């Protein structure tokens, strides 16, 4: 079982992913944007952070940078369905920022479960 922080701005997607992870024995804490996610990260310990990239308040890129400044140990999975924005592939850019895995939306539940299992 992993302690997971899920940062995702779309409520239905966030709830679906959280329920699926919990059904497989993981403990999930959810945040609706990067700002809330960083607050939770500073107050609690997690094994895995799953963060969307394109979000209001604070985007996933700044979340990844902030987490990596504080911890190299926590595993980070970047997720996004945004593709290229203004010619920049943000999901691929996160690999240079130290994420441990990336998943492009839409992804299969089993892909996420396998990724979490591989990282913990």
PDB file of N, CA and C in Angstrom:
ATOM      1  N   UNK A   1       0.840  -1.184   0.000  1.00  0.00           N
ATOM      2  CA  UNK A   1       0.000   0.000   0.000  1.00  0.00           C
ATOM      3  C   UNK A   1       0.880   1.241   0.000  1.00  0.00           C
ATOM      4  N   UNK A   2       0.545   2.175  -0.863  1.00  0.00           N
ATOM      5  CA  UNK A   2       1.284   3.434  -0.942  1.00  0.00           C
ATOM      6  C   UNK A   2       0.408   4.582  -0.463  1.00  0.00           C
ATOM      7  N   UNK A   3       1.054   5.574   0.122  1.00  0.00           N
ATOM      8  CA  UNK A   3       0.373   6.823   0.460  1.00  0.00           C
ATOM      9  C   UNK A   3       0.553   7.751  -0.737  1.00  0.00           C
ATOM     10  N   UNK A   4      -0.572   8.109  -1.362  1.00  0.00           N
ATOM     11  CA  UNK A   4      -0.544   8.834  -2.623  1.00  0.00           C
ATOM     12  C   UNK A   4      -1.225  10.189  -2.480  1.00  0.00           C
ATOM     13  N   UNK A   5      -0.580  11.222  -3.018  1.00  0.00           N
ATOM     14  CA  UNK A   5      -1.193  12.541  -3.156  1.00  0.00           C
ATOM     15  C   UNK A   5      -1.574  12.685  -4.619  1.00  0.00           C
ATOM     16  N   UNK A   6      -2.862  12.861  -4.886  1.00  0.00           N
ATOM     17  CA  UNK A   6      -3.394  13.022  -6.236  1.00  0.00           C
ATOM     18  C   UNK A   6      -3.797  14.474  -6.428  1.00  0.00           C
ATOM     19  N   UNK A   7      -3.131  15.155  -7.366  1.00  0.00           N
ATOM     20  CA  UNK A   7      -3.413  16.559  -7.648  1.00  0.00           C
ATOM     21  C   UNK A   7      -4.011  16.646  -9.040  1.00  0.00           C
ATOM     22  N   UNK A   8      -5.298  16.956  -9.117  1.00  0.00           N
ATOM     23  CA  UNK A   8      -6.042  16.951 -10.385  1.00  0.00           C
ATOM     24  C   UNK A   8      -7.194  17.937 -10.274  1.00  0.00           C
ATOM     25  N   UNK A   9      -7.342  18.818 -11.267  1.00  0.00           N
ATOM     26  CA  UNK A   9      -8.363  19.857 -11.185  1.00  0.00           C
ATOM     27  C   UNK A   9      -9.743  19.437 -11.677  1.00  0.00           C
ATOM     28  N   UNK A  10      -9.872  18.343 -12.418  1.00  0.00           N
ATOM     29  CA  UNK A  10     -11.185  17.894 -12.872  1.00  0.00           C
ATOM     30  C   UNK A  10     -11.796  16.969 -11.825  1.00  0.00           C
ATOM     31  N   UNK A  11     -12.866  17.412 -11.149  1.00  0.00           N
ATOM     32  CA  UNK A  11     -13.429  16.666 -10.013  1.00  0.00           C
ATOM     33  C   UNK A  11     -13.797  15.213 -10.321  1.00  0.00           C
ATOM     34  N   UNK A  12     -14.463  14.971 -11.455  1.00  0.00           N
ATOM     35  CA  UNK A  12     -14.905  13.612 -11.761  1.00  0.00           C
ATOM     36  C   UNK A  12     -13.713  12.689 -11.999  1.00  0.00           C
ATOM     37  N   UNK A  13     -12.729  13.181 -12.736  1.00  0.00           N
ATOM     38  CA  UNK A  13     -11.544  12.377 -13.011  1.00  0.00           C
ATOM     39  C   UNK A  13     -10.781  12.108 -11.714  1.00  0.00           C
ATOM     40  N   UNK A  14     -10.647  13.148 -10.879  1.00  0.00           N
ATOM     41  CA  UNK A  14      -9.957  13.007  -9.591  1.00  0.00           C
ATOM     42  C   UNK A  14     -10.638  11.951  -8.730  1.00  0.00           C
ATOM     43  N   UNK A  15     -11.944  12.001  -8.629  1.00  0.00           N
ATOM     44  CA  UNK A  15     -12.691  11.038  -7.806  1.00  0.00           C
ATOM     45  C   UNK A  15     -12.576   9.624  -8.355  1.00  0.00           C
ATOM     46  N   UNK A  16     -12.644   9.476  -9.669  1.00  0.00           N
ATOM     47  CA  UNK A  16     -12.540   8.156 -10.287  1.00  0.00           C
ATOM     48  C   UNK A  16     -11.173   7.541 -10.025  1.00  0.00           C
ATOM     49  N   UNK A  17     -10.122   8.319 -10.227  1.00  0.00           N
ATOM     50  CA  UNK A  17      -8.762   7.817 -10.011  1.00  0.00           C
ATOM     51  C   UNK A  17      -8.548   7.478  -8.536  1.00  0.00           C
ATOM     52  N   UNK A  18      -9.002   8.355  -7.642  1.00  0.00           N
ATOM     53  CA  UNK A  18      -8.840   8.106  -6.204  1.00  0.00           C
ATOM     54  C   UNK A  18      -9.549   6.822  -5.787  1.00  0.00           C
ATOM     55  N   UNK A  19     -10.776   6.628  -6.237  1.00  0.00           N
ATOM     56  CA  UNK A  19     -11.527   5.413  -5.886  1.00  0.00           C
ATOM     57  C   UNK A  19     -10.838   4.161  -6.404  1.00  0.00           C
ATOM     58  N   UNK A  20     -10.347   4.223  -7.643  1.00  0.00           N
ATOM     59  CA  UNK A  20      -9.675   3.068  -8.226  1.00  0.00           C
ATOM     60  C   UNK A  20      -8.414   2.719  -7.433  1.00  0.00           C
ATOM     61  N   UNK A  21      -7.621   3.719  -7.074  1.00  0.00           N
ATOM     62  CA  UNK A  21      -6.407   3.478  -6.295  1.00  0.00           C
ATOM     63  C   UNK A  21      -6.739   2.921  -4.908  1.00  0.00           C
ATOM     64  N   UNK A  22      -7.773   3.457  -4.285  1.00  0.00           N
ATOM     65  CA  UNK A  22      -8.181   2.985  -2.958  1.00  0.00           C
ATOM     66  C   UNK A  22      -8.682   1.545  -3.011  1.00  0.00           C
ATOM     67  N   UNK A  23      -9.396   1.193  -4.074  1.00  0.00           N
ATOM     68  CA  UNK A  23      -9.871  -0.187  -4.233  1.00  0.00           C
ATOM     69  C   UNK A  23      -8.708  -1.171  -4.327  1.00  0.00           C
ATOM     70  N   UNK A  24      -7.549  -0.673  -4.720  1.00  0.00           N
ATOM     71  CA  UNK A  24      -6.360  -1.525  -4.835  1.00  0.00           C
ATOM     72  C   UNK A  24      -5.428  -1.359  -3.638  1.00  0.00           C
ATOM     73  N   UNK A  25      -5.985  -0.830  -2.529  1.00  0.00           N
ATOM     74  CA  UNK A  25      -5.263  -0.819  -1.270  1.00  0.00           C
ATOM     75  C   UNK A  25      -4.425   0.401  -0.966  1.00  0.00           C
ATOM     76  N   UNK A  26      -4.465   1.406  -1.821  1.00  0.00           N
ATOM     77  CA  UNK A  26      -3.658   2.599  -1.583  1.00  0.00           C
ATOM     78  C   UNK A  26      -4.441   3.626  -0.759  1.00  0.00           C
ATOM     79  N   UNK A  27      -3.717   4.425  -0.017  1.00  0.00           N
ATOM     80  CA  UNK A  27      -4.311   5.516   0.751  1.00  0.00           C
ATOM     81  C   UNK A  27      -4.134   6.782  -0.081  1.00  0.00           C
ATOM     82  N   UNK A  28      -5.243   7.429  -0.450  1.00  0.00           N
ATOM     83  CA  UNK A  28      -5.197   8.564  -1.365  1.00  0.00           C
ATOM     84  C   UNK A  28      -5.694   9.832  -0.683  1.00  0.00           C
ATOM     85  N   UNK A  29      -4.901  10.890  -0.818  1.00  0.00           N
ATOM     86  CA  UNK A  29      -5.298  12.231  -0.424  1.00  0.00           C
ATOM     87  C   UNK A  29      -5.392  13.038  -1.714  1.00  0.00           C
ATOM     88  N   UNK A  30      -6.487  13.776  -1.896  1.00  0.00           N
ATOM     89  CA  UNK A  30      -6.703  14.498  -3.141  1.00  0.00           C
ATOM     90  C   UNK A  30      -6.616  15.996  -2.957  1.00  0.00           C
ATOM     91  N   UNK A  31      -6.137  16.661  -4.006  1.00  0.00           N
ATOM     92  CA  UNK A  31      -6.074  18.125  -4.051  1.00  0.00           C
ATOM     93  C   UNK A  31      -6.638  18.575  -5.389  1.00  0.00           C
ATOM     94  N   UNK A  32      -7.323  19.714  -5.384  1.00  0.00           N
ATOM     95  CA  UNK A  32      -7.979  20.200  -6.599  1.00  0.00           C
ATOM     96  C   UNK A  32      -7.086  21.075  -7.470  1.00  0.00           C
ATOM     97  N   UNK A  33      -5.935  21.478  -6.957  1.00  0.00           N
ATOM     98  CA  UNK A  33      -4.994  22.250  -7.761  1.00  0.00           C
ATOM     99  C   UNK A  33      -3.616  22.201  -7.112  1.00  0.00           C
ATOM    100  N   UNK A  34      -2.638  22.759  -7.791  1.00  0.00           N
ATOM    101  CA  UNK A  34      -1.266  22.702  -7.309  1.00  0.00           C
ATOM    102  C   UNK A  34      -1.049  23.397  -5.981  1.00  0.00           C
ATOM    103  N   UNK A  35      -1.730  24.486  -5.761  1.00  0.00           N
ATOM    104  CA  UNK A  35      -1.569  25.214  -4.498  1.00  0.00           C
ATOM    105  C   UNK A  35      -2.004  24.347  -3.320  1.00  0.00           C
ATOM    106  N   UNK A  36      -3.179  23.728  -3.435  1.00  0.00           N
ATOM    107  CA  UNK A  36      -3.660  22.844  -2.368  1.00  0.00           C
ATOM    108  C   UNK A  36      -2.740  21.624  -2.230  1.00  0.00           C
ATOM    109  N   UNK A  37      -2.273  21.112  -3.367  1.00  0.00           N
ATOM    110  CA  UNK A  37      -1.373  19.965  -3.340  1.00  0.00           C
ATOM    111  C   UNK A  37      -0.076  20.265  -2.608  1.00  0.00           C
ATOM    112  N   UNK A  38       0.504  21.429  -2.842  1.00  0.00           N
ATOM    113  CA  UNK A  38       1.749  21.797  -2.174  1.00  0.00           C
ATOM    114  C   UNK A  38       1.533  21.983  -0.676  1.00  0.00           C
ATOM    115  N   UNK A  39       0.378  22.516  -0.294  1.00  0.00           N
ATOM    116  CA  UNK A  39       0.064  22.652   1.128  1.00  0.00           C
ATOM    117  C   UNK A  39      -0.008  21.278   1.783  1.00  0.00           C
ATOM    118  N   UNK A  40      -0.694  20.341   1.135  1.00  0.00           N
ATOM    119  CA  UNK A  40      -0.794  18.982   1.676  1.00  0.00           C
ATOM    120  C   UNK A  40       0.574  18.314   1.723  1.00  0.00           C
ATOM    121  N   UNK A  41       1.390  18.517   0.686  1.00  0.00           N
ATOM    122  CA  UNK A  41       2.721  17.929   0.649  1.00  0.00           C
ATOM    123  C   UNK A  41       3.586  18.438   1.798  1.00  0.00           C
ATOM    124  N   UNK A  42       3.430  19.700   2.146  1.00  0.00           N
ATOM    125  CA  UNK A  42       4.246  20.267   3.227  1.00  0.00           C
ATOM    126  C   UNK A  42       3.790  19.787   4.608  1.00  0.00           C
ATOM    127  N   UNK A  43       2.562  19.278   4.721  1.00  0.00           N
ATOM    128  CA  UNK A  43       2.023  18.849   6.012  1.00  0.00           C
ATOM    129  C   UNK A  43       2.039  17.344   6.246  1.00  0.00           C
ATOM    130  N   UNK A  44       2.169  16.577   5.180  1.00  0.00           N
ATOM    131  CA  UNK A  44       2.072  15.119   5.283  1.00  0.00           C
ATOM    132  C   UNK A  44       3.179  14.467   4.467  1.00  0.00           C
ATOM    133  N   UNK A  45       3.434  13.193   4.739  1.00  0.00           N
ATOM    134  CA  UNK A  45       4.409  12.471   3.918  1.00  0.00           C
ATOM    135  C   UNK A  45       3.663  11.546   2.964  1.00  0.00           C
ATOM    136  N   UNK A  46       4.204  11.437   1.761  1.00  0.00           N
ATOM    137  CA  UNK A  46       3.610  10.606   0.720  1.00  0.00           C
ATOM    138  C   UNK A  46       4.704   9.777   0.062  1.00  0.00           C
ATOM    139  N   UNK A  47       4.302   8.618  -0.451  1.00  0.00           N
ATOM    140  CA  UNK A  47       5.211   7.781  -1.223  1.00  0.00           C
ATOM    141  C   UNK A  47       5.221   8.192  -2.693  1.00  0.00           C
ATOM    142  N   UNK A  48       4.043   8.581  -3.179  1.00  0.00           N
ATOM    143  CA  UNK A  48       3.873   8.908  -4.596  1.00  0.00           C
ATOM    144  C   UNK A  48       3.022  10.165  -4.726  1.00  0.00           C
ATOM    145  N   UNK A  49       3.431  11.041  -5.644  1.00  0.00           N
ATOM    146  CA  UNK A  49       2.631  12.205  -6.019  1.00  0.00           C
ATOM    147  C   UNK A  49       2.201  11.988  -7.463  1.00  0.00           C
ATOM    148  N   UNK A  50       0.907  12.092  -7.717  1.00  0.00           N
ATOM    149  CA  UNK A  50       0.384  12.048  -9.082  1.00  0.00           C
ATOM    150  C   UNK A  50      -0.161  13.442  -9.353  1.00  0.00           C
ATOM    151  N   UNK A  51       0.414  14.135 -10.340  1.00  0.00           N
ATOM    152  CA  UNK A  51      -0.026  15.496 -10.595  1.00  0.00           C
ATOM    153  C   UNK A  51      -0.346  15.737 -12.056  1.00  0.00           C
ATOM    154  N   UNK A  52      -1.474  16.390 -12.262  1.00  0.00           N
ATOM    155  CA  UNK A  52      -1.820  16.904 -13.577  1.00  0.00           C
ATOM    156  C   UNK A  52      -0.881  18.079 -13.852  1.00  0.00           C
ATOM    157  N   UNK A  53      -0.765  18.486 -15.085  1.00  0.00           N
ATOM    158  CA  UNK A  53       0.134  19.596 -15.406  1.00  0.00           C
ATOM    159  C   UNK A  53      -0.597  20.911 -15.616  1.00  0.00           C
ATOM    160  N   UNK A  54      -1.687  20.884 -16.349  1.00  0.00           N
ATOM    161  CA  UNK A  54      -2.407  22.115 -16.659  1.00  0.00           C
ATOM    162  C   UNK A  54      -3.549  22.269 -15.656  1.00  0.00           C
ATOM    163  N   UNK A  55      -3.354  23.198 -14.702  1.00  0.00           N
ATOM    164  CA  UNK A  55      -4.338  23.425 -13.636  1.00  0.00           C
ATOM    165  C   UNK A  55      -4.370  24.899 -13.293  1.00  0.00           C
ATOM    166  N   UNK A  56      -5.492  25.381 -12.760  1.00  0.00           N
ATOM    167  CA  UNK A  56      -5.541  26.760 -12.272  1.00  0.00           C
ATOM    168  C   UNK A  56      -4.790  26.890 -10.942  1.00  0.00           C
ATOM    169  N   UNK A  57      -4.587  28.079 -10.510  1.00  0.00           N
ATOM    170  CA  UNK A  57      -3.931  28.425  -9.237  1.00  0.00           C
ATOM    171  C   UNK A  57      -2.430  28.153  -9.280  1.00  0.00           C
ATOM    172  N   UNK A  58      -2.033  26.906  -9.453  1.00  0.00           N
ATOM    173  CA  UNK A  58      -0.622  26.544  -9.548  1.00  0.00           C
ATOM    174  C   UNK A  58      -0.522  25.316 -10.444  1.00  0.00           C
ATOM    175  N   UNK A  59       0.269  25.417 -11.505  1.00  0.00           N
ATOM    176  CA  UNK A  59       0.346  24.315 -12.459  1.00  0.00           C
ATOM    177  C   UNK A  59       1.251  23.192 -11.965  1.00  0.00           C
ATOM    178  N   UNK A  60       1.195  22.074 -12.673  1.00  0.00           N
ATOM    179  CA  UNK A  60       1.950  20.893 -12.280  1.00  0.00           C
ATOM    180  C   UNK A  60       3.451  21.042 -12.430  1.00  0.00           C
ATOM    181  N   UNK A  61       3.896  21.874 -13.361  1.00  0.00           N
ATOM    182  CA  UNK A  61       5.337  22.099 -13.527  1.00  0.00           C
ATOM    183  C   UNK A  61       5.912  22.707 -12.251  1.00  0.00           C
ATOM    184  N   UNK A  62       5.262  23.737 -11.723  1.00  0.00           N
ATOM    185  CA  UNK A  62       5.768  24.368 -10.498  1.00  0.00           C
ATOM    186  C   UNK A  62       5.627  23.436  -9.296  1.00  0.00           C
ATOM    187  N   UNK A  63       4.618  22.565  -9.309  1.00  0.00           N
ATOM    188  CA  UNK A  63       4.478  21.560  -8.253  1.00  0.00           C
ATOM    189  C   UNK A  63       5.683  20.612  -8.281  1.00  0.00           C
ATOM    190  N   UNK A  64       6.020  20.128  -9.463  1.00  0.00           N
ATOM    191  CA  UNK A  64       7.142  19.197  -9.595  1.00  0.00           C
ATOM    192  C   UNK A  64       8.440  19.848  -9.140  1.00  0.00           C
ATOM    193  N   UNK A  65       8.674  21.077  -9.587  1.00  0.00           N
ATOM    194  CA  UNK A  65       9.893  21.793  -9.184  1.00  0.00           C
ATOM    195  C   UNK A  65       9.922  21.979  -7.671  1.00  0.00           C
ATOM    196  N   UNK A  66       8.798  22.380  -7.083  1.00  0.00           N
ATOM    197  CA  UNK A  66       8.725  22.587  -5.634  1.00  0.00           C
ATOM    198  C   UNK A  66       8.952  21.315  -4.842  1.00  0.00           C
ATOM    199  N   UNK A  67       8.381  20.226  -5.312  1.00  0.00           N
ATOM    200  CA  UNK A  67       8.562  18.947  -4.618  1.00  0.00           C
ATOM    201  C   UNK A  67      10.008  18.485  -4.721  1.00  0.00           C
ATOM    202  N   UNK A  68      10.584  18.598  -5.908  1.00  0.00           N
ATOM    203  CA  UNK A  68      11.969  18.155  -6.086  1.00  0.00           C
ATOM    204  C   UNK A  68      12.960  19.002  -5.280  1.00  0.00           C
ATOM    205  N   UNK A  69      12.631  20.244  -5.010  1.00  0.00           N
ATOM    206  CA  UNK A  69      13.491  21.074  -4.166  1.00  0.00           C
ATOM    207  C   UNK A  69      13.488  20.580  -2.729  1.00  0.00           C
ATOM    208  N   UNK A  70      12.392  19.945  -2.324  1.00  0.00           N
ATOM    209  CA  UNK A  70      12.259  19.483  -0.943  1.00  0.00           C
ATOM    210  C   UNK A  70      12.558  18.004  -0.772  1.00  0.00           C
ATOM    211  N   UNK A  71      12.377  17.211  -1.830  1.00  0.00           N
ATOM    212  CA  UNK A  71      12.556  15.765  -1.704  1.00  0.00           C
ATOM    213  C   UNK A  71      12.931  15.132  -3.033  1.00  0.00           C
ATOM    214  N   UNK A  72      13.980  14.333  -2.997  1.00  0.00           N
ATOM    215  CA  UNK A  72      14.339  13.517  -4.158  1.00  0.00           C
ATOM    216  C   UNK A  72      13.767  12.108  -4.012  1.00  0.00           C
ATOM    217  N   UNK A  73      13.310  11.775  -2.800  1.00  0.00           N
ATOM    218  CA  UNK A  73      12.867  10.411  -2.513  1.00  0.00           C
ATOM    219  C   UNK A  73      11.446  10.127  -2.983  1.00  0.00           C
ATOM    220  N   UNK A  74      10.561  11.095  -2.859  1.00  0.00           N
ATOM    221  CA  UNK A  74       9.167  10.852  -3.227  1.00  0.00           C
ATOM    222  C   UNK A  74       9.087  10.623  -4.735  1.00  0.00           C
ATOM    223  N   UNK A  75       8.257   9.671  -5.125  1.00  0.00           N
ATOM    224  CA  UNK A  75       8.071   9.355  -6.537  1.00  0.00           C
ATOM    225  C   UNK A  75       7.000  10.271  -7.119  1.00  0.00           C
ATOM    226  N   UNK A  76       7.222  10.743  -8.341  1.00  0.00           N
ATOM    227  CA  UNK A  76       6.281  11.654  -8.990  1.00  0.00           C
ATOM    228  C   UNK A  76       5.849  11.072 -10.329  1.00  0.00           C
ATOM    229  N   UNK A  77       4.530  11.053 -10.532  1.00  0.00           N
ATOM    230  CA  UNK A  77       3.947  10.664 -11.810  1.00  0.00           C
ATOM    231  C   UNK A  77       3.246  11.897 -12.363  1.00  0.00           C
ATOM    232  N   UNK A  78       3.665  12.350 -13.548  1.00  0.00           N
ATOM    233  CA  UNK A  78       3.024  13.481 -14.217  1.00  0.00           C
ATOM    234  C   UNK A  78       1.993  12.937 -15.193  1.00  0.00           C
ATOM    235  N   UNK A  79       0.791  13.531 -15.158  1.00  0.00           N
ATOM    236  CA  UNK A  79      -0.273  13.130 -16.075  1.00  0.00           C
ATOM    237  C   UNK A  79      -0.781  14.367 -16.794  1.00  0.00           C
ATOM    238  N   UNK A  80      -1.134  14.211 -18.066  1.00  0.00           N
ATOM    239  CA  UNK A  80      -1.681  15.349 -18.797  1.00  0.00           C
ATOM    240  C   UNK A  80      -2.352  14.875 -20.069  1.00  0.00           C
ATOM    241  N   UNK A  81      -3.368  15.591 -20.440  1.00  0.00           N
ATOM    242  CA  UNK A  81      -4.025  15.358 -21.717  1.00  0.00           C
ATOM    243  C   UNK A  81      -3.872  16.553 -22.621  1.00  0.00           C
ATOM    244  N   UNK A  82      -3.091  17.541 -22.159  1.00  0.00           N
ATOM    245  CA  UNK A  82      -2.942  18.790 -22.892  1.00  0.00           C
ATOM    246  C   UNK A  82      -2.139  18.692 -24.160  1.00  0.00           C
ATOM    247  N   UNK A  83      -1.288  17.676 -24.257  1.00  0.00           N
ATOM    248  CA  UNK A  83      -0.460  17.558 -25.448  1.00  0.00           C
ATOM    249  C   UNK A  83       0.475  18.733 -25.592  1.00  0.00           C
ATOM    250  N   UNK A  84       0.643  19.204 -26.810  1.00  0.00           N
ATOM    251  CA  UNK A  84       1.498  20.359 -27.073  1.00  0.00           C
ATOM    252  C   UNK A  84       0.698  21.636 -26.917  1.00  0.00           C
ATOM    253  N   UNK A  85       1.246  22.571 -26.156  1.00  0.00           N
ATOM    254  CA  UNK A  85       0.619  23.872 -25.992  1.00  0.00           C
ATOM    255  C   UNK A  85       1.644  24.898 -26.425  1.00  0.00           C
ATOM    256  N   UNK A  86       1.281  25.682 -27.446  1.00  0.00           N
ATOM    257  CA  UNK A  86       2.207  26.659 -28.016  1.00  0.00           C
ATOM    258  C   UNK A  86       3.529  26.009 -28.420  1.00  0.00           C
ATOM    259  N   UNK A  87       3.442  24.789 -28.946  1.00  0.00           N
ATOM    260  CA  UNK A  87       4.625  24.099 -29.429  1.00  0.00           C
ATOM    261  C   UNK A  87       5.473  23.445 -28.354  1.00  0.00           C
ATOM    262  N   UNK A  88       5.024  23.468 -27.099  1.00  0.00           N
ATOM    263  CA  UNK A  88       5.795  22.877 -26.004  1.00  0.00           C
ATOM    264  C   UNK A  88       5.085  21.611 -25.531  1.00  0.00           C
ATOM    265  N   UNK A  89       5.818  20.508 -25.470  1.00  0.00           N
ATOM    266  CA  UNK A  89       5.280  19.248 -24.961  1.00  0.00           C
ATOM    267  C   UNK A  89       5.598  19.185 -23.466  1.00  0.00           C
ATOM    268  N   UNK A  90       4.670  19.667 -22.657  1.00  0.00           N
ATOM    269  CA  UNK A  90       4.892  19.785 -21.220  1.00  0.00           C
ATOM    270  C   UNK A  90       5.090  18.436 -20.540  1.00  0.00           C
ATOM    271  N   UNK A  91       4.394  17.418 -21.009  1.00  0.00           N
ATOM    272  CA  UNK A  91       4.531  16.106 -20.387  1.00  0.00           C
ATOM    273  C   UNK A  91       5.958  15.585 -20.552  1.00  0.00           C
ATOM    274  N   UNK A  92       6.522  15.726 -21.733  1.00  0.00           N
ATOM    275  CA  UNK A  92       7.900  15.287 -21.959  1.00  0.00           C
ATOM    276  C   UNK A  92       8.900  16.178 -21.222  1.00  0.00           C
ATOM    277  N   UNK A  93       8.582  17.457 -21.068  1.00  0.00           N
ATOM    278  CA  UNK A  93       9.461  18.378 -20.350  1.00  0.00           C
ATOM    279  C   UNK A  93       9.635  17.945 -18.900  1.00  0.00           C
ATOM    280  N   UNK A  94       8.612  17.341 -18.317  1.00  0.00           N
ATOM    281  CA  UNK A  94       8.685  16.957 -16.902  1.00  0.00           C
ATOM    282  C   UNK A  94       9.760  15.901 -16.653  1.00  0.00           C
ATOM    283  N   UNK A  95      10.097  15.137 -17.676  1.00  0.00           N
ATOM    284  CA  UNK A  95      11.154  14.125 -17.511  1.00  0.00           C
ATOM    285  C   UNK A  95      12.476  14.787 -17.142  1.00  0.00           C
ATOM    286  N   UNK A  96      12.735  15.982 -17.686  1.00  0.00           N
ATOM    287  CA  UNK A  96      13.951  16.725 -17.350  1.00  0.00           C
ATOM    288  C   UNK A  96      13.885  17.337 -15.950  1.00  0.00           C
ATOM    289  N   UNK A  97      12.683  17.414 -15.393  1.00  0.00           N
ATOM    290  CA  UNK A  97      12.502  17.995 -14.055  1.00  0.00           C
ATOM    291  C   UNK A  97      12.569  16.945 -12.950  1.00  0.00           C
ATOM    292  N   UNK A  98      12.725  15.684 -13.337  1.00  0.00           N
ATOM    293  CA  UNK A  98      12.911  14.645 -12.329  1.00  0.00           C
ATOM    294  C   UNK A  98      11.704  13.804 -12.002  1.00  0.00           C
ATOM    295  N   UNK A  99      10.676  13.796 -12.865  1.00  0.00           N
ATOM    296  CA  UNK A  99       9.553  12.892 -12.581  1.00  0.00           C
ATOM    297  C   UNK A  99      10.004  11.457 -12.818  1.00  0.00           C
ATOM    298  N   UNK A 100       9.327  10.540 -12.174  1.00  0.00           N
ATOM    299  CA  UNK A 100       9.670   9.127 -12.284  1.00  0.00           C
ATOM    300  C   UNK A 100       8.889   8.419 -13.375  1.00  0.00           C
ATOM    301  N   UNK A 101       7.748   9.008 -13.773  1.00  0.00           N
ATOM    302  CA  UNK A 101       6.934   8.411 -14.830  1.00  0.00           C
ATOM    303  C   UNK A 101       5.982   9.468 -15.377  1.00  0.00           C
ATOM    304  N   UNK A 102       5.543   9.253 -16.621  1.00  0.00           N
ATOM    305  CA  UNK A 102       4.538  10.120 -17.233  1.00  0.00           C
ATOM    306  C   UNK A 102       3.447   9.252 -17.837  1.00  0.00           C
ATOM    307  N   UNK A 103       2.223   9.758 -17.781  1.00  0.00           N
ATOM    308  CA  UNK A 103       1.095   9.093 -18.424  1.00  0.00           C
ATOM    309  C   UNK A 103       0.276  10.136 -19.160  1.00  0.00           C
ATOM    310  N   UNK A 104      -0.017   9.850 -20.421  1.00  0.00           N
ATOM    311  CA  UNK A 104      -0.837  10.756 -21.213  1.00  0.00           C
ATOM    312  C   UNK A 104      -2.305  10.354 -21.096  1.00  0.00           C
ATOM    313  N   UNK A 105      -3.156  11.328 -20.792  1.00  0.00           N
ATOM    314  CA  UNK A 105      -4.595  11.071 -20.712  1.00  0.00           C
ATOM    315  C   UNK A 105      -5.136  10.950 -22.133  1.00  0.00           C
ATOM    316  N   UNK A 106      -6.097  10.107 -22.370  1.00  0.00           N
ATOM    317  CA  UNK A 106      -6.651   9.153 -21.406  1.00  0.00           C
ATOM    318  C   UNK A 106      -5.751   7.920 -21.310  1.00  0.00           C
ATOM    319  N   UNK A 107      -5.585   7.437 -20.115  1.00  0.00           N
ATOM    320  CA  UNK A 107      -4.805   6.220 -19.905  1.00  0.00           C
ATOM    321  C   UNK A 107      -5.710   5.180 -19.257  1.00  0.00           C
ATOM    322  N   UNK A 108      -5.306   3.942 -19.362  1.00  0.00           N
ATOM    323  CA  UNK A 108      -6.064   2.844 -18.759  1.00  0.00           C
ATOM    324  C   UNK A 108      -5.750   2.771 -17.268  1.00  0.00           C
ATOM    325  N   UNK A 109      -6.722   2.377 -16.483  1.00  0.00           N
ATOM    326  CA  UNK A 109      -6.533   2.231 -15.036  1.00  0.00           C
ATOM    327  C   UNK A 109      -5.352   1.329 -14.724  1.00  0.00           C
ATOM    328  N   UNK A 110      -5.237   0.243 -15.484  1.00  0.00           N
ATOM    329  CA  UNK A 110      -4.159  -0.707 -15.233  1.00  0.00           C
ATOM    330  C   UNK A 110      -2.786  -0.081 -15.471  1.00  0.00           C
ATOM    331  N   UNK A 111      -2.688   0.859 -16.421  1.00  0.00           N
ATOM    332  CA  UNK A 111      -1.418   1.548 -16.657  1.00  0.00           C
ATOM    333  C   UNK A 111      -0.988   2.314 -15.409  1.00  0.00           C
ATOM    334  N   UNK A 112      -1.936   3.002 -14.785  1.00  0.00           N
ATOM    335  CA  UNK A 112      -1.616   3.759 -13.575  1.00  0.00           C
ATOM    336  C   UNK A 112      -1.266   2.820 -12.431  1.00  0.00           C
ATOM    337  N   UNK A 113      -2.047   1.766 -12.266  1.00  0.00           N
ATOM    338  CA  UNK A 113      -1.763   0.801 -11.195  1.00  0.00           C
ATOM    339  C   UNK A 113      -0.386   0.166 -11.368  1.00  0.00           C
ATOM    340  N   UNK A 114      -0.053  -0.203 -12.600  1.00  0.00           N
ATOM    341  CA  UNK A 114       1.261  -0.805 -12.863  1.00  0.00           C
ATOM    342  C   UNK A 114       2.385   0.185 -12.601  1.00  0.00           C
ATOM    343  N   UNK A 115       2.162   1.446 -12.937  1.00  0.00           N
ATOM    344  CA  UNK A 115       3.180   2.470 -12.715  1.00  0.00           C
ATOM    345  C   UNK A 115       3.410   2.687 -11.230  1.00  0.00           C
ATOM    346  N   UNK A 116       2.336   2.790 -10.460  1.00  0.00           N
ATOM    347  CA  UNK A 116       2.461   2.961  -9.018  1.00  0.00           C
ATOM    348  C   UNK A 116       3.186   1.751  -8.418  1.00  0.00           C
ATOM    349  N   UNK A 117       2.789   0.559  -8.808  1.00  0.00           N
ATOM    350  CA  UNK A 117       3.419  -0.662  -8.282  1.00  0.00           C
ATOM    351  C   UNK A 117       4.910  -0.689  -8.589  1.00  0.00           C
ATOM    352  N   UNK A 118       5.284  -0.282  -9.782  1.00  0.00           N
ATOM    353  CA  UNK A 118       6.698  -0.266 -10.175  1.00  0.00           C
ATOM    354  C   UNK A 118       7.502   0.731  -9.349  1.00  0.00           C
ATOM    355  N   UNK A 119       6.873   1.823  -8.941  1.00  0.00           N
ATOM    356  CA  UNK A 119       7.610   2.888  -8.237  1.00  0.00           C
ATOM    357  C   UNK A 119       7.732   2.673  -6.735  1.00  0.00           C
ATOM    358  N   UNK A 120       6.814   1.888  -6.153  1.00  0.00           N
ATOM    359  CA  UNK A 120       6.879   1.745  -4.678  1.00  0.00           C
ATOM    360  C   UNK A 120       7.448   0.414  -4.245  1.00  0.00           C
TER     361      UNK A 120
END
